[in-house]
PDB file of N, CA and C in Angstrom:
ATOM      1  N   UNK A   1     115.551 103.763  79.504  1.00  0.00           N
ATOM      2  CA  UNK A   1     114.443 104.305  78.740  1.00  0.00           C
ATOM      3  C   UNK A   1     114.670 105.795  78.499  1.00  0.00           C
ATOM      4  N   UNK A   2     114.556 106.597  79.526  1.00  0.00           N
ATOM      5  CA  UNK A   2     114.789 108.029  79.412  1.00  0.00           C
ATOM      6  C   UNK A   2     115.798 108.432  80.468  1.00  0.00           C
ATOM      7  N   UNK A   3     116.484 109.553  80.226  1.00  0.00           N
ATOM      8  CA  UNK A   3     117.430 110.037  81.213  1.00  0.00           C
ATOM      9  C   UNK A   3     116.728 110.425  82.499  1.00  0.00           C
ATOM     10  N   UNK A   4     117.449 110.365  83.609  1.00  0.00           N
ATOM     11  CA  UNK A   4     116.854 110.663  84.906  1.00  0.00           C
ATOM     12  C   UNK A   4     117.607 111.807  85.550  1.00  0.00           C
ATOM     13  N   UNK A   5     116.908 112.858  85.906  1.00  0.00           N
ATOM     14  CA  UNK A   5     117.475 113.985  86.631  1.00  0.00           C
ATOM     15  C   UNK A   5     116.890 113.973  88.028  1.00  0.00           C
ATOM     16  N   UNK A   6     117.676 113.586  89.048  1.00  0.00           N
ATOM     17  CA  UNK A   6     117.122 113.467  90.400  1.00  0.00           C
ATOM     18  C   UNK A   6     116.621 114.775  90.989  1.00  0.00           C
ATOM     19  N   UNK A   7     117.052 115.921  90.454  1.00  0.00           N
ATOM     20  CA  UNK A   7     116.610 117.212  90.972  1.00  0.00           C
ATOM     21  C   UNK A   7     115.287 117.674  90.355  1.00  0.00           C
ATOM     22  N   UNK A   8     114.930 117.111  89.209  1.00  0.00           N
ATOM     23  CA  UNK A   8     113.699 117.513  88.526  1.00  0.00           C
ATOM     24  C   UNK A   8     112.495 116.815  89.162  1.00  0.00           C
ATOM     25  N   UNK A   9     111.357 117.514  89.160  1.00  0.00           N
ATOM     26  CA  UNK A   9     110.124 116.922  89.674  1.00  0.00           C
ATOM     27  C   UNK A   9     109.389 116.259  88.520  1.00  0.00           C
ATOM     28  N   UNK A  10     109.043 114.967  88.704  1.00  0.00           N
ATOM     29  CA  UNK A  10     108.364 114.207  87.658  1.00  0.00           C
ATOM     30  C   UNK A  10     107.091 113.598  88.217  1.00  0.00           C
ATOM     31  N   UNK A  11     106.181 113.331  87.319  1.00  0.00           N
ATOM     32  CA  UNK A  11     104.970 112.616  87.721  1.00  0.00           C
ATOM     33  C   UNK A  11     105.018 111.176  87.232  1.00  0.00           C
ATOM     34  N   UNK A  12     106.246 110.660  87.022  1.00  0.00           N
ATOM     35  CA  UNK A  12     106.415 109.281  86.588  1.00  0.00           C
ATOM     36  C   UNK A  12     107.688 108.690  87.194  1.00  0.00           C
ATOM     37  N   UNK A  13     107.773 107.368  87.142  1.00  0.00           N
ATOM     38  CA  UNK A  13     108.958 106.643  87.579  1.00  0.00           C
ATOM     39  C   UNK A  13     109.315 105.629  86.505  1.00  0.00           C
ATOM     40  N   UNK A  14     110.589 105.545  86.154  1.00  0.00           N
ATOM     41  CA  UNK A  14     111.071 104.589  85.162  1.00  0.00           C
ATOM     42  C   UNK A  14     111.936 103.542  85.843  1.00  0.00           C
ATOM     43  N   UNK A  15     111.787 102.286  85.423  1.00  0.00           N
ATOM     44  CA  UNK A  15     112.671 101.242  85.917  1.00  0.00           C
ATOM     45  C   UNK A  15     112.802 100.145  84.881  1.00  0.00           C
ATOM     46  N   UNK A  16     113.861  99.364  84.999  1.00  0.00           N
ATOM     47  CA  UNK A  16     114.119  98.243  84.102  1.00  0.00           C
ATOM     48  C   UNK A  16     113.981  96.950  84.888  1.00  0.00           C
ATOM     49  N   UNK A  17     113.222  96.002  84.316  1.00  0.00           N
ATOM     50  CA  UNK A  17     113.066  94.692  84.935  1.00  0.00           C
ATOM     51  C   UNK A  17     113.775  93.685  84.028  1.00  0.00           C
ATOM     52  N   UNK A  18     114.902  93.121  84.501  1.00  0.00           N
ATOM     53  CA  UNK A  18     115.662  92.180  83.661  1.00  0.00           C
ATOM     54  C   UNK A  18     114.862  90.914  83.331  1.00  0.00           C
ATOM     55  N   UNK A  19     114.970  90.480  82.097  1.00  0.00           N
ATOM     56  CA  UNK A  19     114.382  89.216  81.614  1.00  0.00           C
ATOM     57  C   UNK A  19     112.880  89.101  81.888  1.00  0.00           C
ATOM     58  N   UNK A  20     112.137  90.206  81.778  1.00  0.00           N
ATOM     59  CA  UNK A  20     110.711  90.193  82.118  1.00  0.00           C
ATOM     60  C   UNK A  20     109.774  90.215  80.912  1.00  0.00           C
ATOM     61  N   UNK A  21     110.295  90.324  79.696  1.00  0.00           N
ATOM     62  CA  UNK A  21     109.417  90.339  78.521  1.00  0.00           C
ATOM     63  C   UNK A  21     108.789  88.968  78.339  1.00  0.00           C
ATOM     64  N   UNK A  22     107.473  88.925  78.273  1.00  0.00           N
ATOM     65  CA  UNK A  22     106.783  87.647  78.091  1.00  0.00           C
ATOM     66  C   UNK A  22     106.865  87.150  76.650  1.00  0.00           C
ATOM     67  N   UNK A  23     107.294  88.013  75.736  1.00  0.00           N
ATOM     68  CA  UNK A  23     107.404  87.624  74.337  1.00  0.00           C
ATOM     69  C   UNK A  23     108.758  86.990  74.019  1.00  0.00           C
ATOM     70  N   UNK A  24     109.864  87.632  74.487  1.00  0.00           N
ATOM     71  CA  UNK A  24     111.192  87.125  74.117  1.00  0.00           C
ATOM     72  C   UNK A  24     112.130  86.900  75.304  1.00  0.00           C
ATOM     73  N   UNK A  25     111.737  87.332  76.494  1.00  0.00           N
ATOM     74  CA  UNK A  25     112.593  87.165  77.663  1.00  0.00           C
ATOM     75  C   UNK A  25     113.607  88.275  77.848  1.00  0.00           C
ATOM     76  N   UNK A  26     113.493  89.326  77.048  1.00  0.00           N
ATOM     77  CA  UNK A  26     114.424  90.456  77.151  1.00  0.00           C
ATOM     78  C   UNK A  26     114.096  91.370  78.328  1.00  0.00           C
ATOM     79  N   UNK A  27     114.936  92.392  78.500  1.00  0.00           N
ATOM     80  CA  UNK A  27     114.723  93.366  79.566  1.00  0.00           C
ATOM     81  C   UNK A  27     113.523  94.244  79.234  1.00  0.00           C
ATOM     82  N   UNK A  28     112.723  94.528  80.247  1.00  0.00           N
ATOM     83  CA  UNK A  28     111.504  95.304  80.068  1.00  0.00           C
ATOM     84  C   UNK A  28     111.671  96.669  80.728  1.00  0.00           C
ATOM     85  N   UNK A  29     111.471  97.726  79.959  1.00  0.00           N
ATOM     86  CA  UNK A  29     111.483  99.085  80.483  1.00  0.00           C
ATOM     87  C   UNK A  29     110.066  99.405  80.931  1.00  0.00           C
ATOM     88  N   UNK A  30     109.911  99.811  82.173  1.00  0.00           N
ATOM     89  CA  UNK A  30     108.596 100.066  82.739  1.00  0.00           C
ATOM     90  C   UNK A  30     108.490 101.515  83.169  1.00  0.00           C
ATOM     91  N   UNK A  31     107.419 102.181  82.770  1.00  0.00           N
ATOM     92  CA  UNK A  31     107.153 103.554  83.198  1.00  0.00           C
ATOM     93  C   UNK A  31     105.848 103.568  83.979  1.00  0.00           C
ATOM     94  N   UNK A  32     105.928 104.037  85.211  1.00  0.00           N
ATOM     95  CA  UNK A  32     104.752 104.161  86.065  1.00  0.00           C
ATOM     96  C   UNK A  32     104.312 105.616  86.048  1.00  0.00           C
ATOM     97  N   UNK A  33     103.058 105.838  85.695  1.00  0.00           N
ATOM     98  CA  UNK A  33     102.480 107.178  85.645  1.00  0.00           C
ATOM     99  C   UNK A  33     101.186 107.169  86.451  1.00  0.00           C
ATOM    100  N   UNK A  34     100.723 108.327  86.881  1.00  0.00           N
ATOM    101  CA  UNK A  34      99.443 108.338  87.587  1.00  0.00           C
ATOM    102  C   UNK A  34      98.352 107.723  86.714  1.00  0.00           C
ATOM    103  N   UNK A  35      97.669 106.736  87.239  1.00  0.00           N
ATOM    104  CA  UNK A  35      96.578 106.112  86.507  1.00  0.00           C
ATOM    105  C   UNK A  35      96.967 104.950  85.614  1.00  0.00           C
ATOM    106  N   UNK A  36      98.240 104.512  85.628  1.00  0.00           N
ATOM    107  CA  UNK A  36      98.584 103.366  84.798  1.00  0.00           C
ATOM    108  C   UNK A  36     100.071 103.156  84.648  1.00  0.00           C
ATOM    109  N   UNK A  37     100.401 102.263  83.723  1.00  0.00           N
ATOM    110  CA  UNK A  37     101.802 101.956  83.453  1.00  0.00           C
ATOM    111  C   UNK A  37     101.948 101.554  81.988  1.00  0.00           C
ATOM    112  N   UNK A  38     103.178 101.685  81.485  1.00  0.00           N
ATOM    113  CA  UNK A  38     103.503 101.332  80.113  1.00  0.00           C
ATOM    114  C   UNK A  38     104.802 100.544  80.137  1.00  0.00           C
ATOM    115  N   UNK A  39     104.925  99.544  79.271  1.00  0.00           N
ATOM    116  CA  UNK A  39     106.146  98.741  79.209  1.00  0.00           C
ATOM    117  C   UNK A  39     106.618  98.614  77.766  1.00  0.00           C
ATOM    118  N   UNK A  40     107.946  98.510  77.608  1.00  0.00           N
ATOM    119  CA  UNK A  40     108.577  98.407  76.300  1.00  0.00           C
ATOM    120  C   UNK A  40     109.755  97.444  76.408  1.00  0.00           C
ATOM    121  N   UNK A  41     109.812  96.464  75.525  1.00  0.00           N
ATOM    122  CA  UNK A  41     110.933  95.523  75.507  1.00  0.00           C
ATOM    123  C   UNK A  41     112.039  96.077  74.615  1.00  0.00           C
ATOM    124  N   UNK A  42     113.227  96.144  75.165  1.00  0.00           N
ATOM    125  CA  UNK A  42     114.373  96.652  74.418  1.00  0.00           C
ATOM    126  C   UNK A  42     114.727  95.720  73.257  1.00  0.00           C
ATOM    127  N   UNK A  43     114.591  94.413  73.456  1.00  0.00           N
ATOM    128  CA  UNK A  43     115.011  93.429  72.455  1.00  0.00           C
ATOM    129  C   UNK A  43     114.052  93.289  71.286  1.00  0.00           C
ATOM    130  N   UNK A  44     112.776  92.999  71.566  1.00  0.00           N
ATOM    131  CA  UNK A  44     111.829  92.705  70.476  1.00  0.00           C
ATOM    132  C   UNK A  44     110.872  93.860  70.177  1.00  0.00           C
ATOM    133  N   UNK A  45     110.991  94.956  70.914  1.00  0.00           N
ATOM    134  CA  UNK A  45     110.181  96.175  70.704  1.00  0.00           C
ATOM    135  C   UNK A  45     108.706  95.982  71.053  1.00  0.00           C
ATOM    136  N   UNK A  46     108.390  94.984  71.868  1.00  0.00           N
ATOM    137  CA  UNK A  46     107.015  94.698  72.272  1.00  0.00           C
ATOM    138  C   UNK A  46     106.520  95.773  73.235  1.00  0.00           C
ATOM    139  N   UNK A  47     105.299  96.252  73.035  1.00  0.00           N
ATOM    140  CA  UNK A  47     104.676  97.257  73.899  1.00  0.00           C
ATOM    141  C   UNK A  47     103.555  96.611  74.690  1.00  0.00           C
ATOM    142  N   UNK A  48     103.367  97.036  75.939  1.00  0.00           N
ATOM    143  CA  UNK A  48     102.267  96.487  76.735  1.00  0.00           C
ATOM    144  C   UNK A  48     101.792  97.506  77.757  1.00  0.00           C
ATOM    145  N   UNK A  49     100.643  97.216  78.340  1.00  0.00           N
ATOM    146  CA  UNK A  49     100.059  98.023  79.412  1.00  0.00           C
ATOM    147  C   UNK A  49      99.892  97.126  80.637  1.00  0.00           C
ATOM    148  N   UNK A  50     100.975  96.859  81.352  1.00  0.00           N
ATOM    149  CA  UNK A  50     100.891  95.946  82.486  1.00  0.00           C
ATOM    150  C   UNK A  50     100.135  96.556  83.662  1.00  0.00           C
ATOM    151  N   UNK A  51      99.605  95.673  84.511  1.00  0.00           N
ATOM    152  CA  UNK A  51      98.991  96.098  85.770  1.00  0.00           C
ATOM    153  C   UNK A  51     100.049  95.978  86.850  1.00  0.00           C
ATOM    154  N   UNK A  52     100.240  97.045  87.594  1.00  0.00           N
ATOM    155  CA  UNK A  52     101.245  97.064  88.653  1.00  0.00           C
ATOM    156  C   UNK A  52     100.541  97.292  89.982  1.00  0.00           C
ATOM    157  N   UNK A  53     100.821  96.418  90.948  1.00  0.00           N
ATOM    158  CA  UNK A  53     100.277  96.573  92.290  1.00  0.00           C
ATOM    159  C   UNK A  53     101.426  96.438  93.289  1.00  0.00           C
ATOM    160  N   UNK A  54     101.256  97.080  94.432  1.00  0.00           N
ATOM    161  CA  UNK A  54     102.233  96.968  95.515  1.00  0.00           C
ATOM    162  C   UNK A  54     101.492  96.491  96.750  1.00  0.00           C
ATOM    163  N   UNK A  55     101.947  95.356  97.282  1.00  0.00           N
ATOM    164  CA  UNK A  55     101.348  94.790  98.489  1.00  0.00           C
ATOM    165  C   UNK A  55     102.463  94.426  99.449  1.00  0.00           C
ATOM    166  N   UNK A  56     102.360  94.901 100.671  1.00  0.00           N
ATOM    167  CA  UNK A  56     103.355  94.609 101.707  1.00  0.00           C
ATOM    168  C   UNK A  56     104.773  94.942 101.249  1.00  0.00           C
ATOM    169  N   UNK A  57     104.907  96.035 100.496  1.00  0.00           N
ATOM    170  CA  UNK A  57     106.217  96.472 100.031  1.00  0.00           C
ATOM    171  C   UNK A  57     106.781  95.690  98.858  1.00  0.00           C
ATOM    172  N   UNK A  58     105.987  94.801  98.256  1.00  0.00           N
ATOM    173  CA  UNK A  58     106.441  94.003  97.115  1.00  0.00           C
ATOM    174  C   UNK A  58     105.662  94.423  95.872  1.00  0.00           C
ATOM    175  N   UNK A  59     106.397  94.802  94.815  1.00  0.00           N
ATOM    176  CA  UNK A  59     105.754  95.212  93.569  1.00  0.00           C
ATOM    177  C   UNK A  59     105.496  93.990  92.703  1.00  0.00           C
ATOM    178  N   UNK A  60     104.254  93.879  92.216  1.00  0.00           N
ATOM    179  CA  UNK A  60     103.877  92.795  91.313  1.00  0.00           C
ATOM    180  C   UNK A  60     103.477  93.401  89.975  1.00  0.00           C
ATOM    181  N   UNK A  61     104.025  92.834  88.897  1.00  0.00           N
ATOM    182  CA  UNK A  61     103.725  93.297  87.545  1.00  0.00           C
ATOM    183  C   UNK A  61     103.026  92.161  86.826  1.00  0.00           C
ATOM    184  N   UNK A  62     101.795  92.418  86.362  1.00  0.00           N
ATOM    185  CA  UNK A  62     101.009  91.416  85.628  1.00  0.00           C
ATOM    186  C   UNK A  62     100.822  91.914  84.195  1.00  0.00           C
ATOM    187  N   UNK A  63     101.066  91.020  83.240  1.00  0.00           N
ATOM    188  CA  UNK A  63     100.880  91.361  81.836  1.00  0.00           C
ATOM    189  C   UNK A  63      99.831  90.418  81.260  1.00  0.00           C
ATOM    190  N   UNK A  64      98.553  90.757  81.409  1.00  0.00           N
ATOM    191  CA  UNK A  64      97.494  89.874  80.939  1.00  0.00           C
ATOM    192  C   UNK A  64      97.454  89.783  79.418  1.00  0.00           C
ATOM    193  N   UNK A  65      97.040  88.622  78.933  1.00  0.00           N
ATOM    194  CA  UNK A  65      96.865  88.414  77.503  1.00  0.00           C
ATOM    195  C   UNK A  65      95.640  89.177  77.039  1.00  0.00           C
ATOM    196  N   UNK A  66      95.813  90.083  76.089  1.00  0.00           N
ATOM    197  CA  UNK A  66      94.702  90.894  75.589  1.00  0.00           C
ATOM    198  C   UNK A  66      94.085  90.323  74.315  1.00  0.00           C
ATOM    199  N   UNK A  67      94.898  89.625  73.541  1.00  0.00           N
ATOM    200  CA  UNK A  67      94.396  89.037  72.304  1.00  0.00           C
ATOM    201  C   UNK A  67      95.298  87.869  71.909  1.00  0.00           C
ATOM    202  N   UNK A  68      94.737  86.956  71.150  1.00  0.00           N
ATOM    203  CA  UNK A  68      95.511  85.809  70.684  1.00  0.00           C
ATOM    204  C   UNK A  68      95.185  85.588  69.216  1.00  0.00           C
ATOM    205  N   UNK A  69      96.215  85.390  68.416  1.00  0.00           N
ATOM    206  CA  UNK A  69      96.006  85.200  66.969  1.00  0.00           C
ATOM    207  C   UNK A  69      95.986  83.733  66.626  1.00  0.00           C
TER     208      UNK A  69
END
């Protein structure tokens, strides 16, 4: 997603989740920021606002359906 400088102080974390796009199955770029998260699919360009929780050291990413056509 964006370049990472380990020496710089950031208020966000970026990571890639392979095959996590619910639209096409492509890799999902996830950015965690204070107060929320944003996701972007590299393959189909799908944008989402997933809910991210951490329980017992395991990160769970939920992408709820917001609308259906």
